[in-house]
C-alpha atoms as a PDB file:
ATOM      1  CA  MET A   1     142.636 107.568  54.463  1.00  0.00           C
ATOM      2  CA  LEU A   2     145.717 107.851  56.740  1.00  0.00           C
ATOM      3  CA  SER A   3     145.613 111.234  58.670  1.00  0.00           C
ATOM      4  CA  THR A   4     148.786 113.659  58.454  1.00  0.00           C
ATOM      5  CA  THR A   5     149.127 113.118  62.268  1.00  0.00           C
ATOM      6  CA  ASP A   6     149.093 109.312  61.922  1.00  0.00           C
ATOM      7  CA  ARG A   7     151.606 109.222  59.037  1.00  0.00           C
ATOM      8  CA  SER A   8     153.827 111.379  61.307  1.00  0.00           C
ATOM      9  CA  VAL A   9     153.687 108.782  64.329  1.00  0.00           C
ATOM     10  CA  ALA A  10     154.068 105.957  61.991  1.00  0.00           C
ATOM     11  CA  THR A  11     157.083 107.399  60.077  1.00  0.00           C
ATOM     12  CA  THR A  12     158.824 108.391  63.429  1.00  0.00           C
ATOM     13  CA  PHE A  13     158.257 104.906  64.678  1.00  0.00           C
ATOM     14  CA  LYS A  14     159.721 103.396  61.446  1.00  0.00           C
ATOM     15  CA  ARG A  15     162.822 105.756  61.617  1.00  0.00           C
ATOM     16  CA  ARG A  16     163.531 104.828  65.087  1.00  0.00           C
ATOM     17  CA  LEU A  17     163.041 101.095  64.413  1.00  0.00           C
ATOM     18  CA  GLN A  18     165.241 101.294  61.362  1.00  0.00           C
ATOM     19  CA  GLY A  19     167.930 102.279  64.010  1.00  0.00           C
ATOM     20  CA  ILE A  20     167.673  99.037  65.560  1.00  0.00           C
ATOM     21  CA  SER A  21     167.212  96.533  62.773  1.00  0.00           C
ATOM     22  CA  PRO A  22     166.457  96.628  58.898  1.00  0.00           C
ATOM     23  CA  VAL A  23     162.698  96.775  58.219  1.00  0.00           C
ATOM     24  CA  LEU A  24     161.621  95.205  54.917  1.00  0.00           C
ATOM     25  CA  ASP A  25     158.005  96.309  54.821  1.00  0.00           C
ATOM     26  CA  MET A  26     155.974  98.580  57.128  1.00  0.00           C
ATOM     27  CA  ARG A  27     152.530  99.365  56.568  1.00  0.00           C
ATOM     28  CA  VAL A  28     149.640 100.930  58.743  1.00  0.00           C
ATOM     29  CA  TYR A  29     146.286  98.982  58.526  1.00  0.00           C
ATOM     30  CA  GLY A  30     142.926  98.814  60.324  1.00  0.00           C
ATOM     31  CA  SER A  31     140.560 101.757  61.124  1.00  0.00           C
ATOM     32  CA  ARG A  32     143.364 104.347  61.020  1.00  0.00           C
ATOM     33  CA  ALA A  33     144.534 103.320  57.553  1.00  0.00           C
ATOM     34  CA  ARG A  34     140.878 103.260  56.391  1.00  0.00           C
ATOM     35  CA  GLY A  35     140.202 106.563  57.936  1.00  0.00           C
ATOM     36  CA  ASP A  36     137.235 105.739  60.009  1.00  0.00           C
ATOM     37  CA  ALA A  37     139.093 105.387  63.464  1.00  0.00           C
ATOM     38  CA  ALA A  38     137.594 106.678  66.735  1.00  0.00           C
ATOM     39  CA  PRO A  39     139.718 109.002  68.616  1.00  0.00           C
ATOM     40  CA  ASP A  40     140.896 106.384  71.037  1.00  0.00           C
ATOM     41  CA  SER A  41     141.604 103.818  68.215  1.00  0.00           C
ATOM     42  CA  ASP A  42     145.193 102.165  68.176  1.00  0.00           C
ATOM     43  CA  LEU A  43     147.651 102.709  65.543  1.00  0.00           C
ATOM     44  CA  ASP A  44     147.964  99.241  63.909  1.00  0.00           C
ATOM     45  CA  ILE A  45     151.335  98.678  62.266  1.00  0.00           C
ATOM     46  CA  TYR A  46     152.413  95.474  60.141  1.00  0.00           C
ATOM     47  CA  ILE A  47     156.192  95.126  60.189  1.00  0.00           C
ATOM     48  CA  GLU A  48     158.004  92.679  57.973  1.00  0.00           C
ATOM     49  CA  MET A  49     161.642  91.742  58.896  1.00  0.00           C
ATOM     50  CA  GLU A  50     164.290  89.234  57.653  1.00  0.00           C
ATOM     51  CA  SER A  51     164.459  87.677  61.146  1.00  0.00           C
ATOM     52  CA  VAL A  52     163.113  88.330  64.591  1.00  0.00           C
ATOM     53  CA  THR A  53     164.498  87.292  68.001  1.00  0.00           C
ATOM     54  CA  PRO A  54     162.696  87.539  71.270  1.00  0.00           C
ATOM     55  CA  GLN A  55     164.989  90.435  72.259  1.00  0.00           C
ATOM     56  CA  LEU A  56     164.086  92.136  69.086  1.00  0.00           C
ATOM     57  CA  ARG A  57     160.567  91.828  69.678  1.00  0.00           C
ATOM     58  CA  ARG A  58     160.837  93.482  73.086  1.00  0.00           C
ATOM     59  CA  GLN A  59     162.899  96.201  71.606  1.00  0.00           C
ATOM     60  CA  ILE A  60     160.019  96.858  69.017  1.00  0.00           C
ATOM     61  CA  SER A  61     157.580  96.870  71.735  1.00  0.00           C
ATOM     62  CA  GLU A  62     159.651  99.359  73.739  1.00  0.00           C
ATOM     63  CA  VAL A  63     160.208 101.687  70.800  1.00  0.00           C
ATOM     64  CA  ALA A  64     156.210 101.631  69.993  1.00  0.00           C
ATOM     65  CA  TRP A  65     155.447 102.484  73.445  1.00  0.00           C
ATOM     66  CA  GLU A  66     157.858 105.394  73.661  1.00  0.00           C
ATOM     67  CA  VAL A  67     156.765 106.842  70.292  1.00  0.00           C
ATOM     68  CA  GLY A  68     153.057 106.512  71.246  1.00  0.00           C
ATOM     69  CA  LEU A  69     153.736 107.922  74.694  1.00  0.00           C
ATOM     70  CA  GLU A  70     155.502 110.829  72.837  1.00  0.00           C
ATOM     71  CA  MET A  71     153.054 111.372  70.166  1.00  0.00           C
ATOM     72  CA  ASP A  72     149.769 110.499  71.933  1.00  0.00           C
ATOM     73  CA  ARG A  73     148.900 107.178  70.039  1.00  0.00           C
ATOM     74  CA  VAL A  74     148.753 103.612  71.136  1.00  0.00           C
ATOM     75  CA  ILE A  75     150.826 101.722  68.648  1.00  0.00           C
ATOM     76  CA  SER A  76     150.035  97.928  68.288  1.00  0.00           C
ATOM     77  CA  THR A  77     152.371  95.867  66.003  1.00  0.00           C
ATOM     78  CA  LEU A  78     152.193  92.738  63.959  1.00  0.00           C
ATOM     79  CA  VAL A  79     155.645  91.591  63.226  1.00  0.00           C
ATOM     80  CA  VAL A  80     156.454  88.881  60.797  1.00  0.00           C
ATOM     81  CA  THR A  81     159.438  87.406  58.876  1.00  0.00           C
ATOM     82  CA  SER A  82     159.878  86.631  55.353  1.00  0.00           C
ATOM     83  CA  GLU A  83     160.272  82.984  56.240  1.00  0.00           C
ATOM     84  CA  GLN A  84     156.872  82.935  57.967  1.00  0.00           C
ATOM     85  CA  LEU A  85     155.114  84.744  55.045  1.00  0.00           C
ATOM     86  CA  GLU A  86     156.775  82.400  52.365  1.00  0.00           C
ATOM     87  CA  HIS A  87     156.831  79.044  54.156  1.00  0.00           C
ATOM     88  CA  GLY A  88     154.292  79.095  57.101  1.00  0.00           C
ATOM     89  CA  PRO A  89     150.465  79.537  57.537  1.00  0.00           C
ATOM     90  CA  MET A  90     151.080  83.397  58.169  1.00  0.00           C
ATOM     91  CA  GLY A  91     151.293  83.858  54.381  1.00  0.00           C
ATOM     92  CA  VAL A  92     147.590  82.892  54.075  1.00  0.00           C
ATOM     93  CA  ASN A  93     146.404  84.247  57.362  1.00  0.00           C
ATOM     94  CA  PRO A  94     143.372  86.725  57.066  1.00  0.00           C
ATOM     95  CA  ILE A  95     145.109  89.573  58.923  1.00  0.00           C
ATOM     96  CA  ILE A  96     148.082  89.479  56.697  1.00  0.00           C
ATOM     97  CA  LEU A  97     145.613  89.290  53.456  1.00  0.00           C
ATOM     98  CA  ASN A  98     143.978  92.274  55.046  1.00  0.00           C
ATOM     99  CA  VAL A  99     147.077  94.168  55.441  1.00  0.00           C
ATOM    100  CA  GLN A 100     148.134  93.436  51.924  1.00  0.00           C
ATOM    101  CA  ALA A 101     144.816  94.714  50.603  1.00  0.00           C
ATOM    102  CA  GLU A 102     144.378  97.857  52.847  1.00  0.00           C
ATOM    103  CA  GLY A 103     147.709  98.585  54.600  1.00  0.00           C
ATOM    104  CA  VAL A 104     149.133 102.015  53.681  1.00  0.00           C
ATOM    105  CA  PRO A 105     152.954 101.723  52.794  1.00  0.00           C
ATOM    106  CA  LEU A 106     155.559 103.655  54.796  1.00  0.00           C
END
């Protein structure tokens, strides 16, 4: 179960990210989503966007770092596009299947 603090961190991150580019889907997954995280566990966040450029990837990383620093969490992102999910191997990647099964939507 996602803690109140982790939900707040993820929601803040999503709000800032949406100021840069539209987000189609965002979910917290991994140990923090399951509720079995250690105090130093990172906050794994899945982000689906329509398209992603190298510049946008850098911006996402910068926002994750800034929010994480402000809110005392290391944020790790997994960014995918709709095209990758629908027409590439990413759609059947075990990590993506795990995100779909256990991810907490934001």
